[in-house]
Amino acid sequence: MDAGEASSSGCLVKTRKELFVYLMESGATKFDEKIKKLEEYLLTFGPFSEEDFLKFKDDFKHLKCDLKARWTSAFYKKERFLKQNESWLNMAFTIPKKVKQVSSGRPQKEARGEKQKP
């Protein structure tokens, strides 16, 4: 499965490298601001169920800690970061599937063509 595709469970899968590239191109200057923009971007794939949202937040927290530690160990240099973390960056990050929006109110009447008079 290619990165960015939906898996059979309906989840969206992106590589950590795709997320890192988004992070670097976010336009923010501080690393924490970049992380916040990345989180906001990933949340646009919602809305999620409460359970999926909690799992996403936990997974993102781990990703954020890993990114920060690896970025620091690369002395804030993009080329060094990419070289030192090549295999880690090729691993997947899974975004939960969207919750199906259920409309409230009366269901739509099926179209049957022209009414026939009795």
Protein backbone atom coordinates (compact mmCIF):
# COMPACT_ATOMS: atom_id res chain seq x y z
CA MET A 1 0.00 0.00 0.00
CA ASP A 2 1.32 3.43 -0.93
CA ALA A 3 1.58 6.12 1.70
CA GLY A 4 -1.44 8.35 1.88
CA GLU A 5 -3.81 5.56 0.86
CA ALA A 6 -6.66 4.23 2.92
CA SER A 7 -6.07 0.81 4.41
CA SER A 8 -8.66 -1.96 4.33
CA SER A 9 -9.89 -0.75 7.74
CA GLY A 10 -10.63 2.65 6.23
CA CYS A 11 -7.77 4.39 8.06
CA LEU A 12 -5.51 6.82 6.24
CA VAL A 13 -1.84 5.88 6.30
CA LYS A 14 0.98 8.41 5.86
CA THR A 15 4.70 7.86 6.25
CA ARG A 16 6.51 9.75 8.96
CA LYS A 17 8.60 11.28 6.18
CA GLU A 18 5.47 12.80 4.60
CA LEU A 19 4.57 14.24 8.00
CA PHE A 20 8.11 15.58 8.48
CA VAL A 21 8.03 17.26 5.06
CA TYR A 22 4.69 18.88 5.95
CA LEU A 23 6.19 19.96 9.26
CA MET A 24 9.17 21.62 7.59
CA GLU A 25 7.01 23.32 4.94
CA SER A 26 4.38 24.55 7.41
CA GLY A 27 5.69 28.11 7.39
CA ALA A 28 6.05 28.29 11.17
CA THR A 29 9.40 29.32 12.63
CA LYS A 30 9.45 27.51 15.98
CA PHE A 31 9.38 23.72 16.21
CA ASP A 32 6.42 23.71 18.63
CA GLU A 33 4.44 25.87 16.21
CA LYS A 34 5.26 23.45 13.39
CA ILE A 35 4.05 20.53 15.52
CA LYS A 36 0.81 22.38 16.27
CA LYS A 37 0.23 23.02 12.54
CA LEU A 38 0.89 19.35 11.79
CA GLU A 39 -1.64 18.29 14.42
CA GLU A 40 -4.23 20.72 13.02
CA TYR A 41 -3.60 19.35 9.52
CA LEU A 42 -4.07 15.75 10.64
CA LEU A 43 -7.28 16.63 12.49
CA THR A 44 -8.78 17.85 9.20
CA PHE A 45 -9.17 14.17 8.27
CA GLY A 46 -11.85 13.90 11.02
CA PRO A 47 -14.31 13.99 12.61
CA PHE A 48 -13.40 10.88 14.58
CA SER A 49 -15.27 8.82 17.11
CA GLU A 50 -14.32 9.58 20.70
CA GLU A 51 -12.33 6.33 20.94
CA ASP A 52 -10.46 7.02 17.70
CA PHE A 53 -9.81 10.62 18.74
CA LEU A 54 -8.24 9.49 22.03
CA LYS A 55 -6.09 6.93 20.18
CA PHE A 56 -5.04 9.57 17.65
CA LYS A 57 -4.07 12.00 20.44
CA ASP A 58 -1.99 9.30 22.16
CA ASP A 59 -0.28 8.24 18.90
CA PHE A 60 0.40 11.87 18.00
CA LYS A 61 1.87 12.55 21.44
CA HIS A 62 4.37 9.71 20.89
CA LEU A 63 5.16 10.93 17.37
CA LYS A 64 5.71 14.47 18.68
CA CYS A 65 8.12 13.26 21.41
CA ASP A 66 10.03 11.08 18.94
CA LEU A 67 10.25 13.87 16.37
CA LYS A 68 11.49 16.37 18.93
CA ALA A 69 14.14 14.00 20.33
CA ARG A 70 15.36 12.96 16.87
CA TRP A 71 15.38 16.56 15.61
CA THR A 72 17.45 17.64 18.63
CA SER A 73 19.90 14.75 18.17
CA ALA A 74 20.37 15.82 14.53
CA PHE A 75 21.35 19.30 15.81
CA TYR A 76 18.37 20.87 14.00
CA LYS A 77 19.76 20.06 10.55
CA LYS A 78 17.30 18.68 7.99
CA GLU A 79 19.86 16.70 5.96
CA ARG A 80 21.35 15.12 9.07
CA PHE A 81 17.87 14.29 10.41
CA LEU A 82 16.84 12.61 7.15
CA LYS A 83 20.06 10.58 6.97
CA GLN A 84 20.04 9.44 10.62
CA ASN A 85 16.35 8.52 10.63
CA GLU A 86 15.78 7.06 7.18
CA SER A 87 14.23 3.76 8.29
CA TRP A 88 12.18 5.41 11.06
CA LEU A 89 10.82 7.98 8.58
CA ASN A 90 9.64 5.21 6.22
CA MET A 91 7.39 3.76 8.91
CA ALA A 92 3.66 4.48 8.79
CA PHE A 93 1.52 6.78 10.88
CA THR A 94 -2.14 5.80 10.86
CA ILE A 95 -4.94 8.34 10.98
CA PRO A 96 -8.31 6.92 12.12
CA LYS A 97 -11.20 6.67 9.73
CA LYS A 98 -13.85 9.35 9.64
CA VAL A 99 -17.05 8.91 11.56
CA LYS A 100 -19.94 8.60 9.17
CA GLN A 101 -22.12 11.68 9.43
CA VAL A 102 -25.68 10.70 10.24
CA SER A 103 -28.24 13.25 9.21
CA SER A 104 -31.10 13.85 11.54
CA GLY A 105 -34.69 14.37 10.55
CA ARG A 106 -37.05 12.64 8.23
CA PRO A 107 -35.54 10.30 5.64
CA GLN A 108 -35.73 11.27 1.99
CA LYS A 109 -38.59 9.83 -0.03
CA GLU A 110 -37.49 7.62 -2.91
CA ALA A 111 -38.08 8.99 -6.39
CA ARG A 112 -40.48 6.75 -8.31
CA GLY A 113 -41.00 8.64 -11.47
CA GLU A 114 -44.43 9.99 -12.40
CA LYS A 115 -47.40 9.29 -10.16
CA GLN A 116 -50.13 7.27 -11.73
CA LYS A 117 -53.75 8.34 -11.18
CA PRO A 118 -56.13 5.66 -9.90
